[in-house]
């Protein structure tokens, strides 16, 4: 069975690229003072959380190379 090949008009695709609308979108609403303050507060909270995690996590990740290893009493000969 052979399929019939028909030409497909792709002119509408090329025309769509050149199409310009004369309708302008409405201007964006300006954020209120409360919204701006809320965004700043959220950003500061996230940054403070990351800094706090870094400050609290850094000592836990560090190794003390200057202190000698402690020996248990069982390993010391009596």
N, C-alpha and C. Protein backbone atom coordinates (compact mmCIF):
# COMPACT_ATOMS: atom_id res chain seq x y z
N UNK A 1 0.83 -1.19 0.00
CA UNK A 1 0.00 0.00 0.00
C UNK A 1 0.87 1.25 0.00
N UNK A 2 0.63 2.08 -0.90
CA UNK A 2 1.39 3.32 -0.95
C UNK A 2 0.51 4.47 -0.48
N UNK A 3 1.11 5.34 0.24
CA UNK A 3 0.36 6.50 0.75
C UNK A 3 0.46 7.64 -0.24
N UNK A 4 -0.59 8.34 -0.38
CA UNK A 4 -0.58 9.51 -1.26
C UNK A 4 0.07 10.67 -0.56
N UNK A 5 1.00 11.27 -1.21
CA UNK A 5 1.66 12.44 -0.62
C UNK A 5 1.03 13.70 -1.21
N UNK A 6 0.50 14.49 -0.31
CA UNK A 6 -0.09 15.75 -0.74
C UNK A 6 0.74 16.88 -0.18
N UNK A 7 0.90 17.92 -0.93
CA UNK A 7 1.67 19.05 -0.40
C UNK A 7 0.91 19.70 0.75
N UNK A 8 1.65 20.00 1.81
CA UNK A 8 1.05 20.64 2.98
C UNK A 8 1.43 22.11 2.94
N UNK A 9 0.46 22.97 2.97
CA UNK A 9 0.78 24.40 2.91
C UNK A 9 1.30 24.90 4.26
N UNK A 10 2.56 25.26 4.31
CA UNK A 10 3.15 25.79 5.53
C UNK A 10 3.26 27.30 5.50
N UNK A 11 2.55 27.92 4.60
CA UNK A 11 2.61 29.37 4.51
C UNK A 11 2.03 30.03 5.76
N UNK A 12 1.06 29.39 6.38
CA UNK A 12 0.47 29.98 7.59
C UNK A 12 1.47 30.06 8.73
N UNK A 13 2.44 29.15 8.77
CA UNK A 13 3.46 29.19 9.81
C UNK A 13 4.37 30.39 9.60
N UNK A 14 4.78 30.62 8.36
CA UNK A 14 5.63 31.76 8.05
C UNK A 14 4.88 33.06 8.30
N UNK A 15 3.59 33.08 8.00
CA UNK A 15 2.80 34.29 8.24
C UNK A 15 2.63 34.55 9.73
N UNK A 16 2.59 33.49 10.53
CA UNK A 16 2.42 33.67 11.97
C UNK A 16 3.65 34.32 12.59
N UNK A 17 4.83 34.08 12.03
CA UNK A 17 6.04 34.69 12.57
C UNK A 17 6.05 36.20 12.33
N UNK A 18 5.44 36.62 11.24
CA UNK A 18 5.45 38.04 10.90
C UNK A 18 4.25 38.79 11.46
N UNK A 19 3.32 38.09 12.07
CA UNK A 19 2.09 38.73 12.53
C UNK A 19 2.36 39.64 13.71
N UNK A 20 1.84 40.82 13.65
CA UNK A 20 1.94 41.78 14.74
C UNK A 20 0.54 42.17 15.18
N UNK A 21 0.32 42.12 16.44
CA UNK A 21 -0.99 42.49 16.96
C UNK A 21 -1.00 43.97 17.28
N UNK A 22 -2.14 44.59 17.07
CA UNK A 22 -2.27 46.00 17.42
C UNK A 22 -2.87 46.17 18.82
N UNK A 23 -3.03 45.06 19.54
CA UNK A 23 -3.57 45.11 20.90
C UNK A 23 -2.40 45.06 21.87
N UNK A 24 -2.27 46.07 22.68
CA UNK A 24 -1.19 46.10 23.66
C UNK A 24 -1.68 45.50 24.97
N UNK A 25 -0.84 44.74 25.65
CA UNK A 25 -1.26 44.17 26.93
C UNK A 25 -1.41 45.27 27.97
N UNK A 26 -2.23 45.05 28.97
CA UNK A 26 -2.38 46.07 30.00
C UNK A 26 -1.08 46.23 30.80
N UNK A 27 -0.84 47.41 31.34
CA UNK A 27 0.39 47.59 32.12
C UNK A 27 0.35 46.76 33.40
N UNK A 28 1.53 46.35 33.83
CA UNK A 28 1.62 45.56 35.06
C UNK A 28 1.28 46.41 36.26
N UNK A 29 0.61 45.78 37.23
CA UNK A 29 0.29 46.49 38.45
C UNK A 29 1.55 46.63 39.29
N UNK A 30 1.70 47.79 39.88
CA UNK A 30 2.85 48.00 40.75
C UNK A 30 2.61 47.30 42.07
N UNK A 31 3.66 46.73 42.61
CA UNK A 31 3.54 46.04 43.89
C UNK A 31 3.33 47.06 44.99
N UNK A 32 2.48 46.69 45.94
CA UNK A 32 2.22 47.59 47.06
C UNK A 32 3.41 47.56 48.02
N UNK A 33 3.40 48.50 48.94
CA UNK A 33 4.48 48.58 49.92
C UNK A 33 4.53 47.32 50.78
N UNK A 34 3.36 46.78 51.12
CA UNK A 34 3.31 45.55 51.91
C UNK A 34 3.89 44.36 51.16
N UNK A 35 3.62 44.28 49.85
CA UNK A 35 4.18 43.18 49.06
C UNK A 35 5.69 43.28 48.95
N UNK A 36 6.18 44.49 48.76
CA UNK A 36 7.64 44.68 48.67
C UNK A 36 8.30 44.32 50.00
N UNK A 37 7.69 44.77 51.11
CA UNK A 37 8.24 44.46 52.43
C UNK A 37 8.19 42.96 52.68
N UNK A 38 7.12 42.29 52.26
CA UNK A 38 7.02 40.85 52.43
C UNK A 38 8.07 40.10 51.65
N UNK A 39 8.36 40.56 50.44
CA UNK A 39 9.40 39.92 49.63
C UNK A 39 10.77 40.08 50.27
N UNK A 40 11.04 41.28 50.77
CA UNK A 40 12.32 41.53 51.44
C UNK A 40 12.43 40.67 52.70
N UNK A 41 11.35 40.57 53.46
CA UNK A 41 11.38 39.78 54.69
C UNK A 41 11.58 38.31 54.38
N UNK A 42 10.94 37.82 53.34
CA UNK A 42 11.13 36.43 52.95
C UNK A 42 12.57 36.18 52.49
N UNK A 43 13.13 37.09 51.72
CA UNK A 43 14.51 36.94 51.27
C UNK A 43 15.50 36.97 52.43
N UNK A 44 15.29 37.89 53.35
CA UNK A 44 16.18 37.97 54.52
C UNK A 44 16.06 36.73 55.39
N UNK A 45 14.85 36.19 55.51
CA UNK A 45 14.66 34.97 56.31
C UNK A 45 15.40 33.80 55.67
N UNK A 46 15.32 33.68 54.36
CA UNK A 46 16.03 32.59 53.68
C UNK A 46 17.54 32.73 53.81
N UNK A 47 18.04 33.94 53.64
CA UNK A 47 19.49 34.17 53.76
C UNK A 47 19.95 33.91 55.19
N UNK A 48 19.16 34.37 56.17
CA UNK A 48 19.53 34.14 57.58
C UNK A 48 19.52 32.65 57.91
N UNK A 49 18.57 31.91 57.34
CA UNK A 49 18.54 30.46 57.57
C UNK A 49 19.75 29.77 57.00
N UNK A 50 20.16 30.17 55.80
CA UNK A 50 21.35 29.57 55.20
C UNK A 50 22.62 29.91 55.97
N UNK A 51 22.73 31.16 56.40
CA UNK A 51 23.91 31.56 57.18
C UNK A 51 23.91 30.86 58.52
N UNK A 52 22.76 30.75 59.16
CA UNK A 52 22.68 30.04 60.44
C UNK A 52 23.05 28.57 60.30
N UNK A 53 22.59 27.93 59.24
CA UNK A 53 22.95 26.53 59.02
C UNK A 53 24.45 26.38 58.79
N UNK A 54 25.03 27.34 58.09
CA UNK A 54 26.47 27.29 57.86
C UNK A 54 27.24 27.50 59.16
N UNK A 55 26.80 28.46 59.96
CA UNK A 55 27.50 28.76 61.22
C UNK A 55 27.37 27.59 62.19
N UNK A 56 26.19 26.99 62.27
CA UNK A 56 26.01 25.88 63.21
C UNK A 56 26.60 24.58 62.68
N UNK A 57 26.68 24.42 61.36
CA UNK A 57 27.17 23.17 60.80
C UNK A 57 28.67 23.11 60.64
N UNK A 58 29.33 24.26 60.56
CA UNK A 58 30.78 24.26 60.35
C UNK A 58 31.54 23.60 61.50
N UNK A 59 31.25 23.89 62.77
CA UNK A 59 31.99 23.20 63.84
C UNK A 59 31.78 21.69 63.84
N UNK A 60 30.61 21.25 63.43
CA UNK A 60 30.36 19.81 63.42
C UNK A 60 31.16 19.12 62.32
N UNK A 61 31.52 19.81 61.28
CA UNK A 61 32.27 19.21 60.19
C UNK A 61 33.78 19.29 60.38
N UNK A 62 34.23 20.14 61.29
CA UNK A 62 35.67 20.29 61.47
C UNK A 62 36.21 19.14 62.33
N UNK A 63 37.45 18.76 62.05
CA UNK A 63 38.10 17.71 62.83
C UNK A 63 39.19 18.35 63.68
N UNK A 64 39.30 17.87 64.89
CA UNK A 64 40.32 18.40 65.81
C UNK A 64 41.59 17.57 65.64
N UNK A 65 42.57 18.13 64.94
CA UNK A 65 43.82 17.42 64.70
C UNK A 65 44.81 17.61 65.84
N UNK A 66 44.64 18.64 66.67
CA UNK A 66 45.60 18.94 67.73
C UNK A 66 45.43 18.10 68.98
N UNK A 67 44.28 17.54 69.22
CA UNK A 67 44.07 16.76 70.45
C UNK A 67 44.37 15.30 70.19
N UNK A 68 45.10 14.65 71.09
CA UNK A 68 45.41 13.23 70.90
C UNK A 68 44.15 12.38 71.14
N UNK A 69 44.14 11.21 70.56
CA UNK A 69 43.00 10.30 70.72
C UNK A 69 42.98 9.77 72.15
N UNK A 70 41.80 9.70 72.74
CA UNK A 70 41.68 9.21 74.11
C UNK A 70 41.69 7.68 74.09
N UNK A 71 42.33 7.12 75.12
CA UNK A 71 42.37 5.67 75.21
C UNK A 71 41.38 5.25 76.31
N UNK A 72 40.71 4.16 76.07
CA UNK A 72 39.78 3.68 77.09
C UNK A 72 40.57 3.00 78.21
N UNK A 73 39.90 2.85 79.34
CA UNK A 73 40.57 2.21 80.50
C UNK A 73 40.85 0.73 80.24
N UNK A 74 40.07 0.11 79.40
CA UNK A 74 40.27 -1.31 79.12
C UNK A 74 41.56 -1.55 78.34
N UNK A 75 41.95 -0.58 77.52
CA UNK A 75 43.16 -0.78 76.73
C UNK A 75 44.42 -0.50 77.54
N UNK A 76 44.30 0.18 78.69
CA UNK A 76 45.48 0.43 79.51
C UNK A 76 45.74 -0.82 80.37
N UNK A 77 46.99 -1.24 80.37
CA UNK A 77 47.34 -2.47 81.12
C UNK A 77 47.31 -2.21 82.62
N UNK A 78 46.83 -3.21 83.43
CA UNK A 78 46.79 -3.06 84.87
C UNK A 78 47.90 -3.81 85.49
